Amino acid sequence: MEYKAGIGYDIHRLVKGRKLFLGGIQIPHTKGLLGHSDADVLLHAVCDALLGAAGLADIGKHFPDTDKRYKNIRSTQLLKNVLKRIKRRGLEVVNLDATLVAEEPKMSVWRLNIQEQIAKQLGICKGSVNLKATTAEGLGDIGKKKAIAAWCVVLLRGERK
């Protein structure tokens, strides 16, 4: 058995007039994240971690923001596509650990729902998905409530080839 680790990161600006999606769930909030897709920073970080672990470059290579097919696409669809790619390589997700960095909305209310949603999307048990939330302590654009960021680490396994 071979194991491969990957890390993902994403950040998007908060703006009025957009829905807020985090981990595939719509979160009620006065602002949403600006991006070509639905701008779900958490799922984008998950996708990048998966792609990185599989040696498949990054989300921007596979779903460029210059391609109209991905305009306003749900990040859950991007994740499904990424999972197909890693499965074609004979890899499966072992576990995932992610951190959301946001001043608002407070994630404690949504954390378990998001964990369950990500586990469901990845086809793994919810105990294999960990989600933490923190703030930027008032520093930078995140601290000024202008952005949300996410980090993710994944472990994949597959037969050694």
C-alpha atoms as a PDB file:
ATOM      1  CA  MET A   1       0.000   0.000   0.000  1.00  0.00           C
ATOM      2  CA  GLU A   2       1.230   3.466  -0.863  1.00  0.00           C
ATOM      3  CA  TYR A   3       0.233   6.669   0.988  1.00  0.00           C
ATOM      4  CA  LYS A   4       0.273  10.184  -0.412  1.00  0.00           C
ATOM      5  CA  ALA A   5      -0.349  13.472   1.439  1.00  0.00           C
ATOM      6  CA  GLY A   6      -1.496  16.750  -0.068  1.00  0.00           C
ATOM      7  CA  ILE A   7      -2.136  20.269   1.173  1.00  0.00           C
ATOM      8  CA  GLY A   8      -4.579  22.833  -0.173  1.00  0.00           C
ATOM      9  CA  TYR A   9      -5.187  26.515   0.488  1.00  0.00           C
ATOM     10  CA  ASP A  10      -7.679  29.048  -0.794  1.00  0.00           C
ATOM     11  CA  ILE A  11      -8.874  32.548   0.023  1.00  0.00           C
ATOM     12  CA  HIS A  12     -11.753  34.590  -1.380  1.00  0.00           C
ATOM     13  CA  ARG A  13     -13.037  38.089  -0.750  1.00  0.00           C
ATOM     14  CA  LEU A  14     -16.421  38.588   0.934  1.00  0.00           C
ATOM     15  CA  VAL A  15     -18.870  40.750  -1.031  1.00  0.00           C
ATOM     16  CA  LYS A  16     -22.530  41.697  -0.875  1.00  0.00           C
ATOM     17  CA  GLY A  17     -24.908  40.133  -3.378  1.00  0.00           C
ATOM     18  CA  ARG A  18     -23.421  36.618  -3.307  1.00  0.00           C
ATOM     19  CA  LYS A  19     -24.508  33.475  -1.459  1.00  0.00           C
ATOM     20  CA  LEU A  20     -22.038  32.038   1.044  1.00  0.00           C
ATOM     21  CA  PHE A  21     -21.090  28.391   0.505  1.00  0.00           C
ATOM     22  CA  LEU A  22     -18.687  26.595   2.837  1.00  0.00           C
ATOM     23  CA  GLY A  23     -18.047  22.879   2.590  1.00  0.00           C
ATOM     24  CA  GLY A  24     -20.908  22.504   0.143  1.00  0.00           C
ATOM     25  CA  ILE A  25     -23.470  24.034   2.492  1.00  0.00           C
ATOM     26  CA  GLN A  26     -25.149  27.392   1.990  1.00  0.00           C
ATOM     27  CA  ILE A  27     -24.600  29.458   5.131  1.00  0.00           C
ATOM     28  CA  PRO A  28     -26.981  32.350   5.850  1.00  0.00           C
ATOM     29  CA  HIS A  29     -24.905  35.530   5.887  1.00  0.00           C
ATOM     30  CA  THR A  30     -25.053  39.112   4.660  1.00  0.00           C
ATOM     31  CA  LYS A  31     -22.144  38.489   2.267  1.00  0.00           C
ATOM     32  CA  GLY A  32     -20.844  35.719   0.066  1.00  0.00           C
ATOM     33  CA  LEU A  33     -17.495  34.859  -1.461  1.00  0.00           C
ATOM     34  CA  LEU A  34     -16.432  36.396  -4.759  1.00  0.00           C
ATOM     35  CA  GLY A  35     -15.177  34.020  -7.415  1.00  0.00           C
ATOM     36  CA  HIS A  36     -15.716  32.496 -10.842  1.00  0.00           C
ATOM     37  CA  SER A  37     -17.491  29.480  -9.306  1.00  0.00           C
ATOM     38  CA  ASP A  38     -19.522  29.579  -6.092  1.00  0.00           C
ATOM     39  CA  ALA A  39     -16.155  30.403  -4.418  1.00  0.00           C
ATOM     40  CA  ASP A  40     -16.465  27.776  -1.679  1.00  0.00           C
ATOM     41  CA  VAL A  41     -12.996  28.283  -0.160  1.00  0.00           C
ATOM     42  CA  LEU A  42     -13.201  25.122   1.900  1.00  0.00           C
ATOM     43  CA  LEU A  43     -14.041  22.819  -0.999  1.00  0.00           C
ATOM     44  CA  HIS A  44     -11.433  24.569  -3.146  1.00  0.00           C
ATOM     45  CA  ALA A  45      -8.804  23.829  -0.499  1.00  0.00           C
ATOM     46  CA  VAL A  46     -10.051  20.218  -0.340  1.00  0.00           C
ATOM     47  CA  CYS A  47      -9.812  19.902  -4.137  1.00  0.00           C
ATOM     48  CA  ASP A  48      -6.286  21.319  -4.175  1.00  0.00           C
ATOM     49  CA  ALA A  49      -5.191  18.970  -1.380  1.00  0.00           C
ATOM     50  CA  LEU A  50      -6.616  15.952  -3.245  1.00  0.00           C
ATOM     51  CA  LEU A  51      -5.096  16.992  -6.551  1.00  0.00           C
ATOM     52  CA  GLY A  52      -1.751  17.686  -4.915  1.00  0.00           C
ATOM     53  CA  ALA A  53      -1.629  14.326  -3.157  1.00  0.00           C
ATOM     54  CA  ALA A  54      -2.405  12.584  -6.450  1.00  0.00           C
ATOM     55  CA  GLY A  55       0.257  14.599  -8.307  1.00  0.00           C
ATOM     56  CA  LEU A  56      -2.367  16.258 -10.513  1.00  0.00           C
ATOM     57  CA  ALA A  57      -1.359  19.933 -10.249  1.00  0.00           C
ATOM     58  CA  ASP A  58      -4.034  22.284  -8.862  1.00  0.00           C
ATOM     59  CA  ILE A  59      -7.649  23.361  -9.171  1.00  0.00           C
ATOM     60  CA  GLY A  60      -6.782  26.267 -11.482  1.00  0.00           C
ATOM     61  CA  LYS A  61      -5.257  23.907 -14.049  1.00  0.00           C
ATOM     62  CA  HIS A  62      -8.334  21.664 -14.163  1.00  0.00           C
ATOM     63  CA  PHE A  63     -11.050  24.335 -13.790  1.00  0.00           C
ATOM     64  CA  PRO A  64      -9.616  27.648 -15.041  1.00  0.00           C
ATOM     65  CA  ASP A  65     -11.512  30.850 -14.288  1.00  0.00           C
ATOM     66  CA  THR A  66     -11.221  31.709 -17.970  1.00  0.00           C
ATOM     67  CA  ASP A  67     -13.505  28.784 -18.900  1.00  0.00           C
ATOM     68  CA  LYS A  68     -17.183  29.767 -19.066  1.00  0.00           C
ATOM     69  CA  ARG A  69     -18.233  26.176 -18.264  1.00  0.00           C
ATOM     70  CA  TYR A  70     -17.214  26.798 -14.658  1.00  0.00           C
ATOM     71  CA  LYS A  71     -18.924  30.177 -14.231  1.00  0.00           C
ATOM     72  CA  ASN A  72     -21.027  29.977 -11.028  1.00  0.00           C
ATOM     73  CA  ILE A  73     -20.571  26.185 -10.868  1.00  0.00           C
ATOM     74  CA  ARG A  74     -21.095  24.629  -7.452  1.00  0.00           C
ATOM     75  CA  SER A  75     -17.840  23.506  -5.921  1.00  0.00           C
ATOM     76  CA  THR A  76     -19.512  20.205  -5.039  1.00  0.00           C
ATOM     77  CA  GLN A  77     -19.423  19.493  -8.792  1.00  0.00           C
ATOM     78  CA  LEU A  78     -15.726  20.360  -8.945  1.00  0.00           C
ATOM     79  CA  LEU A  79     -15.069  18.004  -6.024  1.00  0.00           C
ATOM     80  CA  LYS A  80     -16.948  15.160  -7.757  1.00  0.00           C
ATOM     81  CA  ASN A  81     -14.757  15.675 -10.813  1.00  0.00           C
ATOM     82  CA  VAL A  82     -11.582  15.687  -8.689  1.00  0.00           C
ATOM     83  CA  LEU A  83     -12.639  12.468  -6.932  1.00  0.00           C
ATOM     84  CA  LYS A  84     -13.107  10.757 -10.307  1.00  0.00           C
ATOM     85  CA  ARG A  85      -9.582  11.801 -11.249  1.00  0.00           C
ATOM     86  CA  ILE A  86      -7.967  10.429  -8.093  1.00  0.00           C
ATOM     87  CA  LYS A  87      -9.994   7.199  -8.295  1.00  0.00           C
ATOM     88  CA  ARG A  88      -8.769   6.691 -11.872  1.00  0.00           C
ATOM     89  CA  ARG A  89      -5.288   6.719 -10.356  1.00  0.00           C
ATOM     90  CA  GLY A  90      -6.307   3.950  -7.964  1.00  0.00           C
ATOM     91  CA  LEU A  91      -6.343   6.249  -4.939  1.00  0.00           C
ATOM     92  CA  GLU A  92      -8.869   6.660  -2.132  1.00  0.00           C
ATOM     93  CA  VAL A  93      -9.220   9.179   0.681  1.00  0.00           C
ATOM     94  CA  VAL A  94      -8.046   8.014   4.109  1.00  0.00           C
ATOM     95  CA  ASN A  95      -8.718  11.205   6.050  1.00  0.00           C
ATOM     96  CA  LEU A  96      -8.957  14.967   5.820  1.00  0.00           C
ATOM     97  CA  ASP A  97      -8.116  17.773   8.234  1.00  0.00           C
ATOM     98  CA  ALA A  98      -9.174  21.336   7.395  1.00  0.00           C
ATOM     99  CA  THR A  99      -9.133  24.768   8.990  1.00  0.00           C
ATOM    100  CA  LEU A 100     -11.430  27.668   8.115  1.00  0.00           C
ATOM    101  CA  VAL A 101     -10.142  31.143   8.951  1.00  0.00           C
ATOM    102  CA  ALA A 102     -12.959  33.684   9.276  1.00  0.00           C
ATOM    103  CA  GLU A 103     -14.086  36.406  11.633  1.00  0.00           C
ATOM    104  CA  GLU A 104     -17.689  35.773  10.662  1.00  0.00           C
ATOM    105  CA  PRO A 105     -19.947  33.961  10.429  1.00  0.00           C
ATOM    106  CA  LYS A 106     -19.126  31.930  13.512  1.00  0.00           C
ATOM    107  CA  MET A 107     -18.487  28.366  12.399  1.00  0.00           C
ATOM    108  CA  SER A 108     -19.289  26.540  15.644  1.00  0.00           C
ATOM    109  CA  VAL A 109     -22.961  26.300  14.607  1.00  0.00           C
ATOM    110  CA  TRP A 110     -22.111  24.826  11.201  1.00  0.00           C
ATOM    111  CA  ARG A 111     -18.971  22.773  11.890  1.00  0.00           C
ATOM    112  CA  LEU A 112     -20.593  19.350  12.350  1.00  0.00           C
ATOM    113  CA  ASN A 113     -22.950  19.790   9.386  1.00  0.00           C
ATOM    114  CA  ILE A 114     -20.027  20.776   7.170  1.00  0.00           C
ATOM    115  CA  GLN A 115     -17.967  17.798   8.369  1.00  0.00           C
ATOM    116  CA  GLU A 116     -20.850  15.435   7.577  1.00  0.00           C
ATOM    117  CA  GLN A 117     -21.371  17.004   4.147  1.00  0.00           C
ATOM    118  CA  ILE A 118     -17.692  16.689   3.224  1.00  0.00           C
ATOM    119  CA  ALA A 119     -17.563  13.080   4.461  1.00  0.00           C
ATOM    120  CA  LYS A 120     -20.630  12.279   2.364  1.00  0.00           C
ATOM    121  CA  GLN A 121     -19.117  13.907  -0.726  1.00  0.00           C
ATOM    122  CA  LEU A 122     -15.839  12.019  -0.252  1.00  0.00           C
ATOM    123  CA  GLY A 123     -17.563   8.715   0.515  1.00  0.00           C
ATOM    124  CA  ILE A 124     -15.779   8.288   3.855  1.00  0.00           C
ATOM    125  CA  CYS A 125     -17.005   8.118   7.445  1.00  0.00           C
ATOM    126  CA  LYS A 126     -17.502  11.440   9.216  1.00  0.00           C
ATOM    127  CA  GLY A 127     -14.891  10.411  11.787  1.00  0.00           C
ATOM    128  CA  SER A 128     -12.296  10.659   9.002  1.00  0.00           C
ATOM    129  CA  VAL A 129     -13.090  14.343   8.414  1.00  0.00           C
ATOM    130  CA  ASN A 130     -11.942  16.970  10.888  1.00  0.00           C
ATOM    131  CA  LEU A 131     -12.809  20.639  10.612  1.00  0.00           C
ATOM    132  CA  LYS A 132     -11.447  23.409  12.774  1.00  0.00           C
ATOM    133  CA  ALA A 133     -12.365  27.077  12.691  1.00  0.00           C
ATOM    134  CA  THR A 134     -10.361  30.029  13.859  1.00  0.00           C
ATOM    135  CA  THR A 135     -10.171  33.778  13.390  1.00  0.00           C
ATOM    136  CA  ALA A 136      -7.375  36.042  12.229  1.00  0.00           C
ATOM    137  CA  GLU A 137      -7.578  38.001  15.497  1.00  0.00           C
ATOM    138  CA  GLY A 138      -8.481  41.173  13.590  1.00  0.00           C
ATOM    139  CA  LEU A 139      -5.397  41.020  11.352  1.00  0.00           C
ATOM    140  CA  GLY A 140      -5.366  41.493   7.568  1.00  0.00           C
ATOM    141  CA  ASP A 141      -8.333  41.225   5.215  1.00  0.00           C
ATOM    142  CA  ILE A 142      -9.690  38.203   7.051  1.00  0.00           C
ATOM    143  CA  GLY A 143      -9.483  40.021  10.359  1.00  0.00           C
ATOM    144  CA  LYS A 144     -11.250  43.023   8.828  1.00  0.00           C
ATOM    145  CA  LYS A 145     -14.107  40.714   7.710  1.00  0.00           C
ATOM    146  CA  LYS A 146     -13.212  41.179   4.051  1.00  0.00           C
ATOM    147  CA  ALA A 147     -12.227  37.576   3.272  1.00  0.00           C
ATOM    148  CA  ILE A 148     -12.358  33.930   4.339  1.00  0.00           C
ATOM    149  CA  ALA A 149      -9.533  31.413   3.890  1.00  0.00           C
ATOM    150  CA  ALA A 150      -9.199  27.659   4.262  1.00  0.00           C
ATOM    151  CA  TRP A 151      -6.374  25.158   4.648  1.00  0.00           C
ATOM    152  CA  CYS A 152      -6.730  21.425   4.086  1.00  0.00           C
ATOM    153  CA  VAL A 153      -4.503  18.369   4.408  1.00  0.00           C
ATOM    154  CA  VAL A 154      -5.523  14.977   3.019  1.00  0.00           C
ATOM    155  CA  LEU A 155      -4.070  11.500   3.074  1.00  0.00           C
ATOM    156  CA  LEU A 156      -4.700   9.167   0.149  1.00  0.00           C
ATOM    157  CA  ARG A 157      -3.851   5.487  -0.204  1.00  0.00           C
ATOM    158  CA  GLY A 158      -3.608   3.146  -3.122  1.00  0.00           C
ATOM    159  CA  GLU A 159      -1.803   0.099  -4.394  1.00  0.00           C
ATOM    160  CA  ARG A 160       1.877   0.697  -5.111  1.00  0.00           C
ATOM    161  CA  LYS A 161       2.441   0.700  -8.860  1.00  0.00           C
END
